[in-house]
PDB file of N, CA and C in Angstrom:
ATOM      1  N   UNK A   1       1.104  -1.377   0.213  1.00  0.00           N
ATOM      2  CA  UNK A   1       0.378   0.369   0.262  1.00  0.00           C
ATOM      3  C   UNK A   1       0.991   1.176  -0.052  1.00  0.00           C
ATOM      4  N   UNK A   2       0.742   2.282  -0.746  1.00  0.00           N
ATOM      5  CA  UNK A   2       1.177   3.691  -1.267  1.00  0.00           C
ATOM      6  C   UNK A   2       0.304   4.708  -0.080  1.00  0.00           C
ATOM      7  N   UNK A   3       0.705   5.405   0.807  1.00  0.00           N
ATOM      8  CA  UNK A   3      -0.030   6.283   1.433  1.00  0.00           C
ATOM      9  C   UNK A   3       0.687   7.903   0.949  1.00  0.00           C
ATOM     10  N   UNK A   4       0.149   8.853   1.207  1.00  0.00           N
ATOM     11  CA  UNK A   4       0.522  10.276   0.816  1.00  0.00           C
ATOM     12  C   UNK A   4       0.193  10.302   2.211  1.00  0.00           C
ATOM     13  N   UNK A   5       1.129  11.281   3.180  1.00  0.00           N
ATOM     14  CA  UNK A   5       0.400  12.152   4.185  1.00  0.00           C
ATOM     15  C   UNK A   5      -0.659  11.099   5.066  1.00  0.00           C
ATOM     16  N   UNK A   6      -0.181   9.831   5.410  1.00  0.00           N
ATOM     17  CA  UNK A   6      -1.026   8.987   5.789  1.00  0.00           C
ATOM     18  C   UNK A   6      -2.371   8.394   5.092  1.00  0.00           C
ATOM     19  N   UNK A   7      -2.647   9.086   4.095  1.00  0.00           N
ATOM     20  CA  UNK A   7      -4.012   8.582   3.267  1.00  0.00           C
ATOM     21  C   UNK A   7      -3.515   7.354   2.586  1.00  0.00           C
ATOM     22  N   UNK A   8      -3.818   6.490   2.443  1.00  0.00           N
ATOM     23  CA  UNK A   8      -4.268   5.614   1.355  1.00  0.00           C
ATOM     24  C   UNK A   8      -4.336   5.883  -0.226  1.00  0.00           C
ATOM     25  N   UNK A   9      -3.490   5.617  -0.718  1.00  0.00           N
ATOM     26  CA  UNK A   9      -3.526   5.975  -2.262  1.00  0.00           C
ATOM     27  C   UNK A   9      -3.909   4.533  -3.251  1.00  0.00           C
ATOM     28  N   UNK A  10      -3.120   4.006  -3.216  1.00  0.00           N
ATOM     29  CA  UNK A  10      -2.854   3.084  -4.477  1.00  0.00           C
ATOM     30  C   UNK A  10      -2.239   1.684  -3.413  1.00  0.00           C
ATOM     31  N   UNK A  11      -2.856   0.229  -4.387  1.00  0.00           N
ATOM     32  CA  UNK A  11      -1.633  -0.615  -3.800  1.00  0.00           C
ATOM     33  C   UNK A  11      -0.881  -1.249  -5.018  1.00  0.00           C
ATOM     34  N   UNK A  12       0.376  -1.451  -4.120  1.00  0.00           N
ATOM     35  CA  UNK A  12       1.483  -1.535  -4.886  1.00  0.00           C
ATOM     36  C   UNK A  12       1.882  -2.929  -5.438  1.00  0.00           C
ATOM     37  N   UNK A  13       2.026  -3.182  -6.482  1.00  0.00           N
ATOM     38  CA  UNK A  13       2.777  -4.692  -6.733  1.00  0.00           C
ATOM     39  C   UNK A  13       4.142  -4.754  -7.599  1.00  0.00           C
ATOM     40  N   UNK A  14       4.967  -5.831  -6.755  1.00  0.00           N
ATOM     41  CA  UNK A  14       6.590  -5.589  -6.902  1.00  0.00           C
ATOM     42  C   UNK A  14       6.578  -6.286  -7.936  1.00  0.00           C
ATOM     43  N   UNK A  15       7.506  -6.359  -8.952  1.00  0.00           N
ATOM     44  CA  UNK A  15       8.064  -7.021  -9.895  1.00  0.00           C
ATOM     45  C   UNK A  15       9.529  -7.181  -9.843  1.00  0.00           C
ATOM     46  N   UNK A  16      10.163  -8.073 -11.010  1.00  0.00           N
ATOM     47  CA  UNK A  16      11.816  -8.672 -11.079  1.00  0.00           C
ATOM     48  C   UNK A  16      12.143  -7.330 -11.011  1.00  0.00           C
ATOM     49  N   UNK A  17      13.634  -6.625 -10.998  1.00  0.00           N
ATOM     50  CA  UNK A  17      14.735  -5.745 -11.398  1.00  0.00           C
ATOM     51  C   UNK A  17      14.163  -4.595  -9.970  1.00  0.00           C
ATOM     52  N   UNK A  18      13.628  -4.691  -8.957  1.00  0.00           N
ATOM     53  CA  UNK A  18      12.852  -3.745  -7.848  1.00  0.00           C
ATOM     54  C   UNK A  18      12.354  -3.153  -8.670  1.00  0.00           C
ATOM     55  N   UNK A  19      11.050  -3.323  -9.578  1.00  0.00           N
ATOM     56  CA  UNK A  19      10.179  -2.280 -10.257  1.00  0.00           C
ATOM     57  C   UNK A  19       8.965  -2.492  -9.540  1.00  0.00           C
ATOM     58  N   UNK A  20       8.277  -1.705 -10.079  1.00  0.00           N
ATOM     59  CA  UNK A  20       6.384  -1.901  -9.308  1.00  0.00           C
ATOM     60  C   UNK A  20       5.851  -1.369 -10.040  1.00  0.00           C
ATOM     61  N   UNK A  21       4.136  -1.347  -9.697  1.00  0.00           N
ATOM     62  CA  UNK A  21       3.286  -1.177 -10.560  1.00  0.00           C
ATOM     63  C   UNK A  21       2.643  -0.835  -9.394  1.00  0.00           C
ATOM     64  N   UNK A  22       1.379   0.194  -9.871  1.00  0.00           N
ATOM     65  CA  UNK A  22       0.492   0.872  -8.883  1.00  0.00           C
ATOM     66  C   UNK A  22      -0.987   0.775  -9.196  1.00  0.00           C
ATOM     67  N   UNK A  23      -2.315   0.113  -8.631  1.00  0.00           N
ATOM     68  CA  UNK A  23      -3.395   0.491  -8.595  1.00  0.00           C
ATOM     69  C   UNK A  23      -4.131   1.334  -8.339  1.00  0.00           C
ATOM     70  N   UNK A  24      -4.517   2.669  -8.811  1.00  0.00           N
ATOM     71  CA  UNK A  24      -5.536   3.039  -7.799  1.00  0.00           C
ATOM     72  C   UNK A  24      -6.556   3.431  -7.166  1.00  0.00           C
ATOM     73  N   UNK A  25      -6.328   3.643  -5.862  1.00  0.00           N
ATOM     74  CA  UNK A  25      -7.648   2.947  -5.418  1.00  0.00           C
ATOM     75  C   UNK A  25      -9.309   3.726  -5.431  1.00  0.00           C
ATOM     76  N   UNK A  26      -9.070   4.692  -5.751  1.00  0.00           N
ATOM     77  CA  UNK A  26     -10.397   5.657  -6.403  1.00  0.00           C
ATOM     78  C   UNK A  26     -10.808   4.755  -7.696  1.00  0.00           C
ATOM     79  N   UNK A  27      -9.977   5.081  -8.461  1.00  0.00           N
ATOM     80  CA  UNK A  27     -10.214   4.530  -9.960  1.00  0.00           C
ATOM     81  C   UNK A  27      -9.544   3.182 -10.380  1.00  0.00           C
ATOM     82  N   UNK A  28      -8.964   2.535  -9.611  1.00  0.00           N
ATOM     83  CA  UNK A  28      -9.046   0.885  -9.748  1.00  0.00           C
ATOM     84  C   UNK A  28      -7.871   0.815 -11.492  1.00  0.00           C
ATOM     85  N   UNK A  29      -7.555   1.905 -11.598  1.00  0.00           N
ATOM     86  CA  UNK A  29      -6.148   2.203 -13.132  1.00  0.00           C
ATOM     87  C   UNK A  29      -5.440   1.412 -12.794  1.00  0.00           C
ATOM     88  N   UNK A  30      -4.652   0.766 -13.368  1.00  0.00           N
ATOM     89  CA  UNK A  30      -3.406  -0.187 -13.085  1.00  0.00           C
ATOM     90  C   UNK A  30      -2.228   0.804 -13.715  1.00  0.00           C
ATOM     91  N   UNK A  31      -1.313   1.403 -12.943  1.00  0.00           N
ATOM     92  CA  UNK A  31       0.224   1.647 -14.274  1.00  0.00           C
ATOM     93  C   UNK A  31       1.375   1.571 -13.510  1.00  0.00           C
ATOM     94  N   UNK A  32       2.535   1.573 -14.530  1.00  0.00           N
ATOM     95  CA  UNK A  32       3.581   1.340 -14.573  1.00  0.00           C
ATOM     96  C   UNK A  32       4.022   2.162 -13.561  1.00  0.00           C
ATOM     97  N   UNK A  33       4.813   2.259 -12.440  1.00  0.00           N
ATOM     98  CA  UNK A  33       5.013   3.850 -11.450  1.00  0.00           C
ATOM     99  C   UNK A  33       6.429   4.021 -11.434  1.00  0.00           C
ATOM    100  N   UNK A  34       7.362   2.719 -11.204  1.00  0.00           N
ATOM    101  CA  UNK A  34       8.272   2.938 -10.438  1.00  0.00           C
ATOM    102  C   UNK A  34       9.424   1.981 -10.754  1.00  0.00           C
ATOM    103  N   UNK A  35      10.701   1.894  -9.717  1.00  0.00           N
ATOM    104  CA  UNK A  35      11.625   1.343  -9.090  1.00  0.00           C
ATOM    105  C   UNK A  35      11.852   1.420  -7.851  1.00  0.00           C
ATOM    106  N   UNK A  36      12.766   0.732  -7.053  1.00  0.00           N
ATOM    107  CA  UNK A  36      13.376   0.814  -5.872  1.00  0.00           C
ATOM    108  C   UNK A  36      14.579   1.401  -5.730  1.00  0.00           C
ATOM    109  N   UNK A  37      15.138   1.824  -4.774  1.00  0.00           N
ATOM    110  CA  UNK A  37      16.659   1.925  -4.856  1.00  0.00           C
ATOM    111  C   UNK A  37      17.086   2.054  -3.505  1.00  0.00           C
ATOM    112  N   UNK A  38      18.303   1.518  -3.828  1.00  0.00           N
ATOM    113  CA  UNK A  38      18.533   0.451  -2.067  1.00  0.00           C
ATOM    114  C   UNK A  38      19.858   2.043  -1.540  1.00  0.00           C
ATOM    115  N   UNK A  39      20.344   1.848  -0.800  1.00  0.00           N
ATOM    116  CA  UNK A  39      21.270   2.846   0.299  1.00  0.00           C
ATOM    117  C   UNK A  39      22.553   2.186  -0.432  1.00  0.00           C
ATOM    118  N   UNK A  40      23.719   2.976  -0.648  1.00  0.00           N
ATOM    119  CA  UNK A  40      24.903   2.387  -1.265  1.00  0.00           C
ATOM    120  C   UNK A  40      24.934   2.143   0.097  1.00  0.00           C
ATOM    121  N   UNK A  41      26.083   0.683  -0.566  1.00  0.00           N
ATOM    122  CA  UNK A  41      27.046  -0.220   0.952  1.00  0.00           C
ATOM    123  C   UNK A  41      26.257  -1.032   1.987  1.00  0.00           C
ATOM    124  N   UNK A  42      24.927  -0.599   1.498  1.00  0.00           N
ATOM    125  CA  UNK A  42      24.078  -1.074   2.596  1.00  0.00           C
ATOM    126  C   UNK A  42      23.151  -2.277   2.261  1.00  0.00           C
ATOM    127  N   UNK A  43      22.740  -1.984   0.967  1.00  0.00           N
ATOM    128  CA  UNK A  43      21.326  -2.579   0.408  1.00  0.00           C
ATOM    129  C   UNK A  43      20.290  -2.246   0.563  1.00  0.00           C
ATOM    130  N   UNK A  44      20.096  -1.726   1.839  1.00  0.00           N
ATOM    131  CA  UNK A  44      18.362  -1.629   2.187  1.00  0.00           C
ATOM    132  C   UNK A  44      17.877  -0.519   1.305  1.00  0.00           C
ATOM    133  N   UNK A  45      16.493  -1.196   1.302  1.00  0.00           N
ATOM    134  CA  UNK A  45      15.839  -0.163   0.286  1.00  0.00           C
ATOM    135  C   UNK A  45      15.337   0.935   0.876  1.00  0.00           C
ATOM    136  N   UNK A  46      15.539   2.244   0.828  1.00  0.00           N
ATOM    137  CA  UNK A  46      15.750   3.232   1.216  1.00  0.00           C
ATOM    138  C   UNK A  46      14.688   4.480   0.663  1.00  0.00           C
ATOM    139  N   UNK A  47      14.582   4.275  -0.479  1.00  0.00           N
ATOM    140  CA  UNK A  47      14.107   5.702  -2.087  1.00  0.00           C
ATOM    141  C   UNK A  47      12.918   4.203  -2.665  1.00  0.00           C
ATOM    142  N   UNK A  48      12.243   5.490  -3.211  1.00  0.00           N
ATOM    143  CA  UNK A  48      11.108   5.026  -4.203  1.00  0.00           C
ATOM    144  C   UNK A  48      11.522   6.145  -5.662  1.00  0.00           C
ATOM    145  N   UNK A  49      11.701   5.275  -6.694  1.00  0.00           N
ATOM    146  CA  UNK A  49      10.962   6.775  -7.973  1.00  0.00           C
ATOM    147  C   UNK A  49       9.458   6.381  -8.244  1.00  0.00           C
ATOM    148  N   UNK A  50       8.932   7.267  -8.068  1.00  0.00           N
ATOM    149  CA  UNK A  50       7.227   7.087  -8.836  1.00  0.00           C
ATOM    150  C   UNK A  50       6.932   8.277  -9.512  1.00  0.00           C
ATOM    151  N   UNK A  51       6.667   7.377 -11.078  1.00  0.00           N
ATOM    152  CA  UNK A  51       6.437   8.638 -11.679  1.00  0.00           C
ATOM    153  C   UNK A  51       7.431   9.672 -11.734  1.00  0.00           C
ATOM    154  N   UNK A  52       8.959   9.067 -11.723  1.00  0.00           N
ATOM    155  CA  UNK A  52       9.489  10.624 -12.215  1.00  0.00           C
ATOM    156  C   UNK A  52       9.975  11.452 -10.346  1.00  0.00           C
ATOM    157  N   UNK A  53       9.515  11.108  -9.715  1.00  0.00           N
ATOM    158  CA  UNK A  53       9.707  11.555  -8.506  1.00  0.00           C
ATOM    159  C   UNK A  53      10.065  11.172  -7.583  1.00  0.00           C
ATOM    160  N   UNK A  54      11.213  11.382  -6.860  1.00  0.00           N
ATOM    161  CA  UNK A  54      11.949  10.447  -5.515  1.00  0.00           C
ATOM    162  C   UNK A  54      11.376  10.916  -4.082  1.00  0.00           C
ATOM    163  N   UNK A  55      11.037   9.823  -3.688  1.00  0.00           N
ATOM    164  CA  UNK A  55      10.474   9.395  -2.482  1.00  0.00           C
ATOM    165  C   UNK A  55      11.649   8.788  -1.294  1.00  0.00           C
ATOM    166  N   UNK A  56      11.489   9.624  -0.409  1.00  0.00           N
ATOM    167  CA  UNK A  56      12.584   8.662   0.966  1.00  0.00           C
ATOM    168  C   UNK A  56      11.642   8.527   2.029  1.00  0.00           C
ATOM    169  N   UNK A  57      12.618   6.640   2.154  1.00  0.00           N
ATOM    170  CA  UNK A  57      11.623   6.170   3.550  1.00  0.00           C
ATOM    171  C   UNK A  57      12.182   6.780   4.898  1.00  0.00           C
ATOM    172  N   UNK A  58      11.073   7.357   5.413  1.00  0.00           N
ATOM    173  CA  UNK A  58      11.838   7.821   6.615  1.00  0.00           C
ATOM    174  C   UNK A  58      12.418   7.036   7.462  1.00  0.00           C
ATOM    175  N   UNK A  59      13.123   7.709   8.013  1.00  0.00           N
ATOM    176  CA  UNK A  59      13.977   6.791   9.243  1.00  0.00           C
ATOM    177  C   UNK A  59      13.166   6.497  10.422  1.00  0.00           C
ATOM    178  N   UNK A  60      13.374   4.985  11.367  1.00  0.00           N
ATOM    179  CA  UNK A  60      12.532   4.714  12.039  1.00  0.00           C
ATOM    180  C   UNK A  60      13.622   5.199  13.309  1.00  0.00           C
ATOM    181  N   UNK A  61      13.137   5.412  14.361  1.00  0.00           N
ATOM    182  CA  UNK A  61      13.779   5.651  15.634  1.00  0.00           C
ATOM    183  C   UNK A  61      14.356   4.111  16.228  1.00  0.00           C
ATOM    184  N   UNK A  62      15.507   4.029  16.847  1.00  0.00           N
ATOM    185  CA  UNK A  62      16.130   2.500  16.745  1.00  0.00           C
ATOM    186  C   UNK A  62      16.542   2.608  18.387  1.00  0.00           C
TER     187      UNK A  62
END
């Protein structure tokens, strides 16, 4: 699930090569959306590119 400001927006389906597509929850439209990016040297996915925009995963308290 992809949420924007805490509001669910789309259902995410992952594919080979760290790519994904999304299905809009309001319209049901499915589209190619982007890819996941891993933190260099660590390998943890910390960013996604969504239709040309970069979203950064928030760091959680440890």
